[in-house]
ModelCIF file with pLDDT and N, C-alpha, C, O atoms, coordinates in Angstrom:
data_MODEL
#
_entry.id   MODEL 
#
_entity.id                         1 
_entity.type                       polymer 
_entity.pdbx_number_of_molecules   1 
#
_entity_poly.entity_id                      1 
_entity_poly.type                           'polypeptide(L)' 
_entity_poly.nstd_linkage                   no 
_entity_poly.nstd_monomer                   no 
_entity_poly.pdbx_seq_one_letter_code       EAAILSRKDFVGIHDLIVHNYGPGRLFASVHVEVPQDINIVECHE 
_entity_poly.pdbx_seq_one_letter_code_can   EAAILSRKDFVGIHDLIVHNYGPGRLFASVHVEVPQDINIVECHE 
_entity_poly.pdbx_strand_id                 A 
#
loop_
_entity_poly_seq.entity_id 
_entity_poly_seq.num 
_entity_poly_seq.mon_id 
_entity_poly_seq.hetero 
1 1  GLU n 
1 2  ALA n 
1 3  ALA n 
1 4  ILE n 
1 5  LEU n 
1 6  SER n 
1 7  ARG n 
1 8  LYS n 
1 9  ASP n 
1 10 PHE n 
1 11 VAL n 
1 12 GLY n 
1 13 ILE n 
1 14 HIS n 
1 15 ASP n 
1 16 LEU n 
1 17 ILE n 
1 18 VAL n 
1 19 HIS n 
1 20 ASN n 
1 21 TYR n 
1 22 GLY n 
1 23 PRO n 
1 24 GLY n 
1 25 ARG n 
1 26 LEU n 
1 27 PHE n 
1 28 ALA n 
1 29 SER n 
1 30 VAL n 
1 31 HIS n 
1 32 VAL n 
1 33 GLU n 
1 34 VAL n 
1 35 PRO n 
1 36 GLN n 
1 37 ASP n 
1 38 ILE n 
1 39 ASN n 
1 40 ILE n 
1 41 VAL n 
1 42 GLU n 
1 43 CYS n 
1 44 HIS n 
1 45 GLU n 
#
_struct_asym.id          A 
_struct_asym.entity_id   1 
#
loop_
_ma_qa_metric.id 
_ma_qa_metric.mode 
_ma_qa_metric.name 
_ma_qa_metric.software_group_id 
_ma_qa_metric.type 
1 global pLDDT . pLDDT 
2 local  pLDDT . pLDDT 
#
_ma_qa_metric_global.metric_id      1 
_ma_qa_metric_global.metric_value   90.69 
_ma_qa_metric_global.model_id       1 
_ma_qa_metric_global.ordinal_id     1 
#
loop_
_ma_qa_metric_local.label_asym_id 
_ma_qa_metric_local.label_comp_id 
_ma_qa_metric_local.label_seq_id 
_ma_qa_metric_local.metric_id 
_ma_qa_metric_local.metric_value 
_ma_qa_metric_local.model_id 
_ma_qa_metric_local.ordinal_id 
A GLU 1  2 94.00 1 1  
A ALA 2  2 94.00 1 2  
A ALA 3  2 94.00 1 3  
A ILE 4  2 95.00 1 4  
A LEU 5  2 93.00 1 5  
A SER 6  2 92.00 1 6  
A ARG 7  2 90.00 1 7  
A LYS 8  2 86.00 1 8  
A ASP 9  2 88.00 1 9  
A PHE 10 2 92.00 1 10 
A VAL 11 2 88.00 1 11 
A GLY 12 2 88.00 1 12 
A ILE 13 2 90.00 1 13 
A HIS 14 2 89.00 1 14 
A ASP 15 2 90.00 1 15 
A LEU 16 2 93.00 1 16 
A ILE 17 2 93.00 1 17 
A VAL 18 2 93.00 1 18 
A HIS 19 2 92.00 1 19 
A ASN 20 2 90.00 1 20 
A TYR 21 2 89.00 1 21 
A GLY 22 2 85.00 1 22 
A PRO 23 2 81.00 1 23 
A GLY 24 2 77.00 1 24 
A ARG 25 2 86.00 1 25 
A LEU 26 2 91.00 1 26 
A PHE 27 2 94.00 1 27 
A ALA 28 2 95.00 1 28 
A SER 29 2 95.00 1 29 
A VAL 30 2 95.00 1 30 
A HIS 31 2 94.00 1 31 
A VAL 32 2 94.00 1 32 
A GLU 33 2 92.00 1 33 
A VAL 34 2 92.00 1 34 
A PRO 35 2 90.00 1 35 
A GLN 36 2 88.00 1 36 
A ASP 37 2 88.00 1 37 
A ILE 38 2 89.00 1 38 
A ASN 39 2 91.00 1 39 
A ILE 40 2 90.00 1 40 
A VAL 41 2 92.00 1 41 
A GLU 42 2 91.00 1 42 
A CYS 43 2 92.00 1 43 
A HIS 44 2 93.00 1 44 
A GLU 45 2 93.00 1 45 
#
loop_
_atom_site.group_PDB 
_atom_site.id 
_atom_site.type_symbol 
_atom_site.label_atom_id 
_atom_site.label_alt_id 
_atom_site.label_comp_id 
_atom_site.label_asym_id 
_atom_site.label_entity_id 
_atom_site.label_seq_id 
_atom_site.pdbx_PDB_ins_code 
_atom_site.Cartn_x 
_atom_site.Cartn_y 
_atom_site.Cartn_z 
_atom_site.occupancy 
_atom_site.B_iso_or_equiv 
_atom_site.pdbx_formal_charge 
_atom_site.auth_seq_id 
_atom_site.auth_comp_id 
_atom_site.auth_asym_id 
_atom_site.auth_atom_id 
_atom_site.pdbx_PDB_model_num 
ATOM 1   N N  . GLU A 1 1  ? 0.828   -1.215  0.000   1.00 94.00 ? 1  GLU A N  1 
ATOM 2   C CA . GLU A 1 1  ? 0.000   0.000   0.000   1.00 94.00 ? 1  GLU A CA 1 
ATOM 3   C C  . GLU A 1 1  ? 0.857   1.257   0.000   1.00 94.00 ? 1  GLU A C  1 
ATOM 4   O O  . GLU A 1 1  ? 0.572   2.213   -0.722  1.00 94.00 ? 1  GLU A O  1 
ATOM 5   N N  . ALA A 1 2  ? 1.919   1.250   0.823   1.00 94.00 ? 2  ALA A N  1 
ATOM 6   C CA . ALA A 1 2  ? 2.785   2.435   0.905   1.00 94.00 ? 2  ALA A CA 1 
ATOM 7   C C  . ALA A 1 2  ? 3.480   2.692   -0.422  1.00 94.00 ? 2  ALA A C  1 
ATOM 8   O O  . ALA A 1 2  ? 3.601   3.843   -0.841  1.00 94.00 ? 2  ALA A O  1 
ATOM 9   N N  . ALA A 1 3  ? 3.937   1.639   -1.089  1.00 94.00 ? 3  ALA A N  1 
ATOM 10  C CA . ALA A 1 3  ? 4.633   1.794   -2.374  1.00 94.00 ? 3  ALA A CA 1 
ATOM 11  C C  . ALA A 1 3  ? 3.692   2.365   -3.439  1.00 94.00 ? 3  ALA A C  1 
ATOM 12  O O  . ALA A 1 3  ? 4.097   3.206   -4.243  1.00 94.00 ? 3  ALA A O  1 
ATOM 13  N N  . ILE A 1 4  ? 2.446   1.910   -3.443  1.00 95.00 ? 4  ILE A N  1 
ATOM 14  C CA . ILE A 1 4  ? 1.482   2.392   -4.441  1.00 95.00 ? 4  ILE A CA 1 
ATOM 15  C C  . ILE A 1 4  ? 1.064   3.834   -4.173  1.00 95.00 ? 4  ILE A C  1 
ATOM 16  O O  . ILE A 1 4  ? 1.066   4.671   -5.074  1.00 95.00 ? 4  ILE A O  1 
ATOM 17  N N  . LEU A 1 5  ? 0.708   4.108   -2.924  1.00 93.00 ? 5  LEU A N  1 
ATOM 18  C CA . LEU A 1 5  ? 0.194   5.448   -2.592  1.00 93.00 ? 5  LEU A CA 1 
ATOM 19  C C  . LEU A 1 5  ? 1.290   6.506   -2.515  1.00 93.00 ? 5  LEU A C  1 
ATOM 20  O O  . LEU A 1 5  ? 0.991   7.687   -2.344  1.00 93.00 ? 5  LEU A O  1 
ATOM 21  N N  . SER A 1 6  ? 2.547   6.105   -2.639  1.00 92.00 ? 6  SER A N  1 
ATOM 22  C CA . SER A 1 6  ? 3.632   7.087   -2.655  1.00 92.00 ? 6  SER A CA 1 
ATOM 23  C C  . SER A 1 6  ? 3.662   7.852   -3.983  1.00 92.00 ? 6  SER A C  1 
ATOM 24  O O  . SER A 1 6  ? 4.313   8.892   -4.083  1.00 92.00 ? 6  SER A O  1 
ATOM 25  N N  . ARG A 1 7  ? 2.966   7.345   -4.993  1.00 90.00 ? 7  ARG A N  1 
ATOM 26  C CA . ARG A 1 7  ? 2.918   8.023   -6.294  1.00 90.00 ? 7  ARG A CA 1 
ATOM 27  C C  . ARG A 1 7  ? 1.751   9.018   -6.300  1.00 90.00 ? 7  ARG A C  1 
ATOM 28  O O  . ARG A 1 7  ? 0.628   8.677   -5.930  1.00 90.00 ? 7  ARG A O  1 
ATOM 29  N N  . LYS A 1 8  ? 2.033   10.229  -6.719  1.00 86.00 ? 8  LYS A N  1 
ATOM 30  C CA . LYS A 1 8  ? 1.121   11.353  -6.526  1.00 86.00 ? 8  LYS A CA 1 
ATOM 31  C C  . LYS A 1 8  ? -0.212  11.178  -7.239  1.00 86.00 ? 8  LYS A C  1 
ATOM 32  O O  . LYS A 1 8  ? -1.221  11.710  -6.778  1.00 86.00 ? 8  LYS A O  1 
ATOM 33  N N  . ASP A 1 9  ? -0.246  10.455  -8.342  1.00 88.00 ? 9  ASP A N  1 
ATOM 34  C CA . ASP A 1 9  ? -1.489  10.323  -9.095  1.00 88.00 ? 9  ASP A CA 1 
ATOM 35  C C  . ASP A 1 9  ? -2.340  9.143   -8.654  1.00 88.00 ? 9  ASP A C  1 
ATOM 36  O O  . ASP A 1 9  ? -3.455  8.967   -9.146  1.00 88.00 ? 9  ASP A O  1 
ATOM 37  N N  . PHE A 1 10 ? -1.829  8.326   -7.728  1.00 92.00 ? 10 PHE A N  1 
ATOM 38  C CA . PHE A 1 10 ? -2.597  7.184   -7.234  1.00 92.00 ? 10 PHE A CA 1 
ATOM 39  C C  . PHE A 1 10 ? -3.270  7.600   -5.924  1.00 92.00 ? 10 PHE A C  1 
ATOM 40  O O  . PHE A 1 10 ? -2.600  7.823   -4.915  1.00 92.00 ? 10 PHE A O  1 
ATOM 41  N N  . VAL A 1 11 ? -4.603  7.703   -5.953  1.00 88.00 ? 11 VAL A N  1 
ATOM 42  C CA . VAL A 1 11 ? -5.305  8.305   -4.812  1.00 88.00 ? 11 VAL A CA 1 
ATOM 43  C C  . VAL A 1 11 ? -5.938  7.276   -3.872  1.00 88.00 ? 11 VAL A C  1 
ATOM 44  O O  . VAL A 1 11 ? -6.374  7.639   -2.780  1.00 88.00 ? 11 VAL A O  1 
ATOM 45  N N  . GLY A 1 12 ? -5.998  6.019   -4.266  1.00 88.00 ? 12 GLY A N  1 
ATOM 46  C CA . GLY A 1 12 ? -6.584  4.999   -3.401  1.00 88.00 ? 12 GLY A CA 1 
ATOM 47  C C  . GLY A 1 12 ? -6.413  3.615   -3.986  1.00 88.00 ? 12 GLY A C  1 
ATOM 48  O O  . GLY A 1 12 ? -6.227  3.473   -5.194  1.00 88.00 ? 12 GLY A O  1 
ATOM 49  N N  . ILE A 1 13 ? -6.472  2.587   -3.147  1.00 90.00 ? 13 ILE A N  1 
ATOM 50  C CA . ILE A 1 13 ? -6.377  1.209   -3.634  1.00 90.00 ? 13 ILE A CA 1 
ATOM 51  C C  . ILE A 1 13 ? -7.464  0.363   -2.977  1.00 90.00 ? 13 ILE A C  1 
ATOM 52  O O  . ILE A 1 13 ? -7.965  0.686   -1.900  1.00 90.00 ? 13 ILE A O  1 
ATOM 53  N N  . HIS A 1 14 ? -7.813  -0.722  -3.652  1.00 89.00 ? 14 HIS A N  1 
ATOM 54  C CA . HIS A 1 14 ? -8.766  -1.684  -3.095  1.00 89.00 ? 14 HIS A CA 1 
ATOM 55  C C  . HIS A 1 14 ? -8.621  -3.002  -3.855  1.00 89.00 ? 14 HIS A C  1 
ATOM 56  O O  . HIS A 1 14 ? -7.871  -3.092  -4.827  1.00 89.00 ? 14 HIS A O  1 
ATOM 57  N N  . ASP A 1 15 ? -9.349  -4.019  -3.398  1.00 90.00 ? 15 ASP A N  1 
ATOM 58  C CA . ASP A 1 15 ? -9.325  -5.350  -4.025  1.00 90.00 ? 15 ASP A CA 1 
ATOM 59  C C  . ASP A 1 15 ? -7.906  -5.904  -4.173  1.00 90.00 ? 15 ASP A C  1 
ATOM 60  O O  . ASP A 1 15 ? -7.548  -6.456  -5.213  1.00 90.00 ? 15 ASP A O  1 
ATOM 61  N N  . LEU A 1 16 ? -7.108  -5.750  -3.119  1.00 93.00 ? 16 LEU A N  1 
ATOM 62  C CA . LEU A 1 16 ? -5.761  -6.325  -3.132  1.00 93.00 ? 16 LEU A CA 1 
ATOM 63  C C  . LEU A 1 16 ? -5.850  -7.815  -2.814  1.00 93.00 ? 16 LEU A C  1 
ATOM 64  O O  . LEU A 1 16 ? -6.386  -8.200  -1.775  1.00 93.00 ? 16 LEU A O  1 
ATOM 65  N N  . ILE A 1 17 ? -5.333  -8.637  -3.694  1.00 93.00 ? 17 ILE A N  1 
ATOM 66  C CA . ILE A 1 17 ? -5.329  -10.089 -3.511  1.00 93.00 ? 17 ILE A CA 1 
ATOM 67  C C  . ILE A 1 17 ? -3.894  -10.594 -3.712  1.00 93.00 ? 17 ILE A C  1 
ATOM 68  O O  . ILE A 1 17 ? -3.258  -10.283 -4.719  1.00 93.00 ? 17 ILE A O  1 
ATOM 69  N N  . VAL A 1 18 ? -3.393  -11.370 -2.750  1.00 93.00 ? 18 VAL A N  1 
ATOM 70  C CA . VAL A 1 18 ? -2.041  -11.923 -2.823  1.00 93.00 ? 18 VAL A CA 1 
ATOM 71  C C  . VAL A 1 18 ? -2.129  -13.445 -2.788  1.00 93.00 ? 18 VAL A C  1 
ATOM 72  O O  . VAL A 1 18 ? -2.748  -14.020 -1.893  1.00 93.00 ? 18 VAL A O  1 
ATOM 73  N N  . HIS A 1 19 ? -1.505  -14.089 -3.768  1.00 92.00 ? 19 HIS A N  1 
ATOM 74  C CA . HIS A 1 19 ? -1.460  -15.546 -3.845  1.00 92.00 ? 19 HIS A CA 1 
ATOM 75  C C  . HIS A 1 19 ? -0.038  -16.016 -3.538  1.00 92.00 ? 19 HIS A C  1 
ATOM 76  O O  . HIS A 1 19 ? 0.936   -15.486 -4.071  1.00 92.00 ? 19 HIS A O  1 
ATOM 77  N N  . ASN A 1 20 ? 0.057   -17.019 -2.670  1.00 90.00 ? 20 ASN A N  1 
ATOM 78  C CA . ASN A 1 20 ? 1.357   -17.566 -2.272  1.00 90.00 ? 20 ASN A CA 1 
ATOM 79  C C  . ASN A 1 20 ? 1.526   -18.948 -2.902  1.00 90.00 ? 20 ASN A C  1 
ATOM 80  O O  . ASN A 1 20 ? 0.805   -19.885 -2.561  1.00 90.00 ? 20 ASN A O  1 
ATOM 81  N N  . TYR A 1 21 ? 2.480   -19.067 -3.818  1.00 89.00 ? 21 TYR A N  1 
ATOM 82  C CA . TYR A 1 21 ? 2.765   -20.355 -4.455  1.00 89.00 ? 21 TYR A CA 1 
ATOM 83  C C  . TYR A 1 21 ? 4.077   -20.949 -3.958  1.00 89.00 ? 21 TYR A C  1 
ATOM 84  O O  . TYR A 1 21 ? 4.736   -21.711 -4.664  1.00 89.00 ? 21 TYR A O  1 
ATOM 85  N N  . GLY A 1 22 ? 4.442   -20.591 -2.737  1.00 85.00 ? 22 GLY A N  1 
ATOM 86  C CA . GLY A 1 22 ? 5.680   -21.087 -2.152  1.00 85.00 ? 22 GLY A CA 1 
ATOM 87  C C  . GLY A 1 22 ? 6.616   -19.930 -1.861  1.00 85.00 ? 22 GLY A C  1 
ATOM 88  O O  . GLY A 1 22 ? 6.425   -18.831 -2.381  1.00 85.00 ? 22 GLY A O  1 
ATOM 89  N N  . PRO A 1 23 ? 7.639   -20.168 -1.026  1.00 81.00 ? 23 PRO A N  1 
ATOM 90  C CA . PRO A 1 23 ? 8.583   -19.095 -0.682  1.00 81.00 ? 23 PRO A CA 1 
ATOM 91  C C  . PRO A 1 23 ? 9.184   -18.442 -1.929  1.00 81.00 ? 23 PRO A C  1 
ATOM 92  O O  . PRO A 1 23 ? 9.692   -19.119 -2.823  1.00 81.00 ? 23 PRO A O  1 
ATOM 93  N N  . GLY A 1 24 ? 9.114   -17.122 -1.962  1.00 77.00 ? 24 GLY A N  1 
ATOM 94  C CA . GLY A 1 24 ? 9.674   -16.383 -3.100  1.00 77.00 ? 24 GLY A CA 1 
ATOM 95  C C  . GLY A 1 24 ? 8.800   -16.416 -4.332  1.00 77.00 ? 24 GLY A C  1 
ATOM 96  O O  . GLY A 1 24 ? 9.244   -16.003 -5.403  1.00 77.00 ? 24 GLY A O  1 
ATOM 97  N N  . ARG A 1 25 ? 7.565   -16.895 -4.218  1.00 86.00 ? 25 ARG A N  1 
ATOM 98  C CA . ARG A 1 25 ? 6.672   -16.988 -5.374  1.00 86.00 ? 25 ARG A CA 1 
ATOM 99  C C  . ARG A 1 25 ? 5.329   -16.356 -5.018  1.00 86.00 ? 25 ARG A C  1 
ATOM 100 O O  . ARG A 1 25 ? 4.332   -17.056 -4.844  1.00 86.00 ? 25 ARG A O  1 
ATOM 101 N N  . LEU A 1 26 ? 5.311   -15.034 -4.913  1.00 91.00 ? 26 LEU A N  1 
ATOM 102 C CA . LEU A 1 26 ? 4.113   -14.294 -4.558  1.00 91.00 ? 26 LEU A CA 1 
ATOM 103 C C  . LEU A 1 26 ? 3.571   -13.561 -5.783  1.00 91.00 ? 26 LEU A C  1 
ATOM 104 O O  . LEU A 1 26 ? 4.309   -12.868 -6.484  1.00 91.00 ? 26 LEU A O  1 
ATOM 105 N N  . PHE A 1 27 ? 2.277   -13.723 -6.028  1.00 94.00 ? 27 PHE A N  1 
ATOM 106 C CA . PHE A 1 27 ? 1.614   -13.053 -7.138  1.00 94.00 ? 27 PHE A CA 1 
ATOM 107 C C  . PHE A 1 27 ? 0.429   -12.267 -6.568  1.00 94.00 ? 27 PHE A C  1 
ATOM 108 O O  . PHE A 1 27 ? -0.271  -12.748 -5.677  1.00 94.00 ? 27 PHE A O  1 
ATOM 109 N N  . ALA A 1 28 ? 0.211   -11.060 -7.089  1.00 95.00 ? 28 ALA A N  1 
ATOM 110 C CA . ALA A 1 28 ? -0.835  -10.213 -6.519  1.00 95.00 ? 28 ALA A CA 1 
ATOM 111 C C  . ALA A 1 28 ? -1.501  -9.371  -7.602  1.00 95.00 ? 28 ALA A C  1 
ATOM 112 O O  . ALA A 1 28 ? -0.944  -9.140  -8.675  1.00 95.00 ? 28 ALA A O  1 
ATOM 113 N N  . SER A 1 29 ? -2.705  -8.924  -7.284  1.00 95.00 ? 29 SER A N  1 
ATOM 114 C CA . SER A 1 29 ? -3.415  -7.973  -8.147  1.00 95.00 ? 29 SER A CA 1 
ATOM 115 C C  . SER A 1 29 ? -4.083  -6.942  -7.253  1.00 95.00 ? 29 SER A C  1 
ATOM 116 O O  . SER A 1 29 ? -4.428  -7.230  -6.107  1.00 95.00 ? 29 SER A O  1 
ATOM 117 N N  . VAL A 1 30 ? -4.264  -5.737  -7.786  1.00 95.00 ? 30 VAL A N  1 
ATOM 118 C CA . VAL A 1 30 ? -4.866  -4.664  -6.995  1.00 95.00 ? 30 VAL A CA 1 
ATOM 119 C C  . VAL A 1 30 ? -5.515  -3.648  -7.931  1.00 95.00 ? 30 VAL A C  1 
ATOM 120 O O  . VAL A 1 30 ? -5.068  -3.463  -9.063  1.00 95.00 ? 30 VAL A O  1 
ATOM 121 N N  . HIS A 1 31 ? -6.560  -2.997  -7.455  1.00 94.00 ? 31 HIS A N  1 
ATOM 122 C CA . HIS A 1 31 ? -7.191  -1.901  -8.183  1.00 94.00 ? 31 HIS A CA 1 
ATOM 123 C C  . HIS A 1 31 ? -6.693  -0.582  -7.591  1.00 94.00 ? 31 HIS A C  1 
ATOM 124 O O  . HIS A 1 31 ? -6.689  -0.399  -6.374  1.00 94.00 ? 31 HIS A O  1 
ATOM 125 N N  . VAL A 1 32 ? -6.280  0.319   -8.456  1.00 94.00 ? 32 VAL A N  1 
ATOM 126 C CA . VAL A 1 32 ? -5.758  1.617   -8.028  1.00 94.00 ? 32 VAL A CA 1 
ATOM 127 C C  . VAL A 1 32 ? -6.643  2.720   -8.592  1.00 94.00 ? 32 VAL A C  1 
ATOM 128 O O  . VAL A 1 32 ? -6.899  2.771   -9.795  1.00 94.00 ? 32 VAL A O  1 
ATOM 129 N N  . GLU A 1 33 ? -7.102  3.595   -7.718  1.00 92.00 ? 33 GLU A N  1 
ATOM 130 C CA . GLU A 1 33 ? -7.944  4.712   -8.138  1.00 92.00 ? 33 GLU A CA 1 
ATOM 131 C C  . GLU A 1 33 ? -7.069  5.877   -8.601  1.00 92.00 ? 33 GLU A C  1 
ATOM 132 O O  . GLU A 1 33 ? -6.135  6.283   -7.911  1.00 92.00 ? 33 GLU A O  1 
ATOM 133 N N  . VAL A 1 34 ? -7.393  6.407   -9.787  1.00 92.00 ? 34 VAL A N  1 
ATOM 134 C CA . VAL A 1 34 ? -6.649  7.540   -10.351 1.00 92.00 ? 34 VAL A CA 1 
ATOM 135 C C  . VAL A 1 34 ? -7.651  8.581   -10.841 1.00 92.00 ? 34 VAL A C  1 
ATOM 136 O O  . VAL A 1 34 ? -8.799  8.234   -11.117 1.00 92.00 ? 34 VAL A O  1 
ATOM 137 N N  . PRO A 1 35 ? -7.248  9.850   -10.957 1.00 90.00 ? 35 PRO A N  1 
ATOM 138 C CA . PRO A 1 35 ? -8.154  10.886  -11.483 1.00 90.00 ? 35 PRO A CA 1 
ATOM 139 C C  . PRO A 1 35 ? -8.620  10.529  -12.891 1.00 90.00 ? 35 PRO A C  1 
ATOM 140 O O  . PRO A 1 35 ? -7.822  10.064  -13.705 1.00 90.00 ? 35 PRO A O  1 
ATOM 141 N N  . GLN A 1 36 ? -9.902  10.741  -13.188 1.00 88.00 ? 36 GLN A N  1 
ATOM 142 C CA . GLN A 1 36 ? -10.439 10.336  -14.484 1.00 88.00 ? 36 GLN A CA 1 
ATOM 143 C C  . GLN A 1 36 ? -9.903  11.180  -15.646 1.00 88.00 ? 36 GLN A C  1 
ATOM 144 O O  . GLN A 1 36 ? -9.983  10.764  -16.802 1.00 88.00 ? 36 GLN A O  1 
ATOM 145 N N  . ASP A 1 37 ? -9.361  12.355  -15.345 1.00 88.00 ? 37 ASP A N  1 
ATOM 146 C CA . ASP A 1 37 ? -8.830  13.202  -16.410 1.00 88.00 ? 37 ASP A CA 1 
ATOM 147 C C  . ASP A 1 37 ? -7.312  13.044  -16.575 1.00 88.00 ? 37 ASP A C  1 
ATOM 148 O O  . ASP A 1 37 ? -6.673  13.878  -17.218 1.00 88.00 ? 37 ASP A O  1 
ATOM 149 N N  . ILE A 1 38 ? -6.734  11.990  -16.005 1.00 89.00 ? 38 ILE A N  1 
ATOM 150 C CA . ILE A 1 38 ? -5.291  11.788  -16.085 1.00 89.00 ? 38 ILE A CA 1 
ATOM 151 C C  . ILE A 1 38 ? -4.890  11.368  -17.499 1.00 89.00 ? 38 ILE A C  1 
ATOM 152 O O  . ILE A 1 38 ? -5.684  10.766  -18.222 1.00 89.00 ? 38 ILE A O  1 
ATOM 153 N N  . ASN A 1 39 ? -3.662  11.687  -17.886 1.00 91.00 ? 39 ASN A N  1 
ATOM 154 C CA . ASN A 1 39 ? -3.126  11.243  -19.166 1.00 91.00 ? 39 ASN A CA 1 
ATOM 155 C C  . ASN A 1 39 ? -2.901  9.725   -19.092 1.00 91.00 ? 39 ASN A C  1 
ATOM 156 O O  . ASN A 1 39 ? -2.123  9.249   -18.265 1.00 91.00 ? 39 ASN A O  1 
ATOM 157 N N  . ILE A 1 40 ? -3.577  8.982   -19.949 1.00 90.00 ? 40 ILE A N  1 
ATOM 158 C CA . ILE A 1 40 ? -3.548  7.518   -19.881 1.00 90.00 ? 40 ILE A CA 1 
ATOM 159 C C  . ILE A 1 40 ? -2.140  6.965   -20.090 1.00 90.00 ? 40 ILE A C  1 
ATOM 160 O O  . ILE A 1 40 ? -1.733  6.030   -19.401 1.00 90.00 ? 40 ILE A O  1 
ATOM 161 N N  . VAL A 1 41 ? -1.400  7.534   -21.031 1.00 92.00 ? 41 VAL A N  1 
ATOM 162 C CA . VAL A 1 41 ? -0.050  7.040   -21.320 1.00 92.00 ? 41 VAL A CA 1 
ATOM 163 C C  . VAL A 1 41 ? 0.860   7.242   -20.105 1.00 92.00 ? 41 VAL A C  1 
ATOM 164 O O  . VAL A 1 41 ? 1.605   6.340   -19.721 1.00 92.00 ? 41 VAL A O  1 
ATOM 165 N N  . GLU A 1 42 ? 0.791   8.432   -19.506 1.00 91.00 ? 42 GLU A N  1 
ATOM 166 C CA . GLU A 1 42 ? 1.614   8.703   -18.323 1.00 91.00 ? 42 GLU A CA 1 
ATOM 167 C C  . GLU A 1 42 ? 1.205   7.804   -17.149 1.00 91.00 ? 42 GLU A C  1 
ATOM 168 O O  . GLU A 1 42 ? 2.053   7.334   -16.389 1.00 91.00 ? 42 GLU A O  1 
ATOM 169 N N  . CYS A 1 43 ? -0.092  7.575   -17.016 1.00 92.00 ? 43 CYS A N  1 
ATOM 170 C CA . CYS A 1 43 ? -0.571  6.714   -15.926 1.00 92.00 ? 43 CYS A CA 1 
ATOM 171 C C  . CYS A 1 43 ? -0.083  5.280   -16.112 1.00 92.00 ? 43 CYS A C  1 
ATOM 172 O O  . CYS A 1 43 ? 0.319   4.618   -15.155 1.00 92.00 ? 43 CYS A O  1 
ATOM 173 N N  . HIS A 1 44 ? -0.125  4.814   -17.358 1.00 93.00 ? 44 HIS A N  1 
ATOM 174 C CA . HIS A 1 44 ? 0.343   3.454   -17.646 1.00 93.00 ? 44 HIS A CA 1 
ATOM 175 C C  . HIS A 1 44 ? 1.827   3.319   -17.331 1.00 93.00 ? 44 HIS A C  1 
ATOM 176 O O  . HIS A 1 44 ? 2.275   2.294   -16.817 1.00 93.00 ? 44 HIS A O  1 
ATOM 177 N N  . GLU A 1 45 ? 2.577   4.362   -17.644 1.00 93.00 ? 45 GLU A N  1 
ATOM 178 C CA . GLU A 1 45 ? 4.012   4.341   -17.346 1.00 93.00 ? 45 GLU A CA 1 
ATOM 179 C C  . GLU A 1 45 ? 4.247   4.270   -15.838 1.00 93.00 ? 45 GLU A C  1 
ATOM 180 O O  . GLU A 1 45 ? 5.395   4.244   -15.393 1.00 93.00 ? 45 GLU A O  1 
#
């Protein structure tokens, strides 16, 4: 959460899911809220 919200254009997160497939094998997905008028290319970067 701290790593994501440290970026100025990311205003909130939710639906964080972490899957553990063994030590050193962590996979995750998360939804990040961004301003709707943000530049899509810059946001993707």
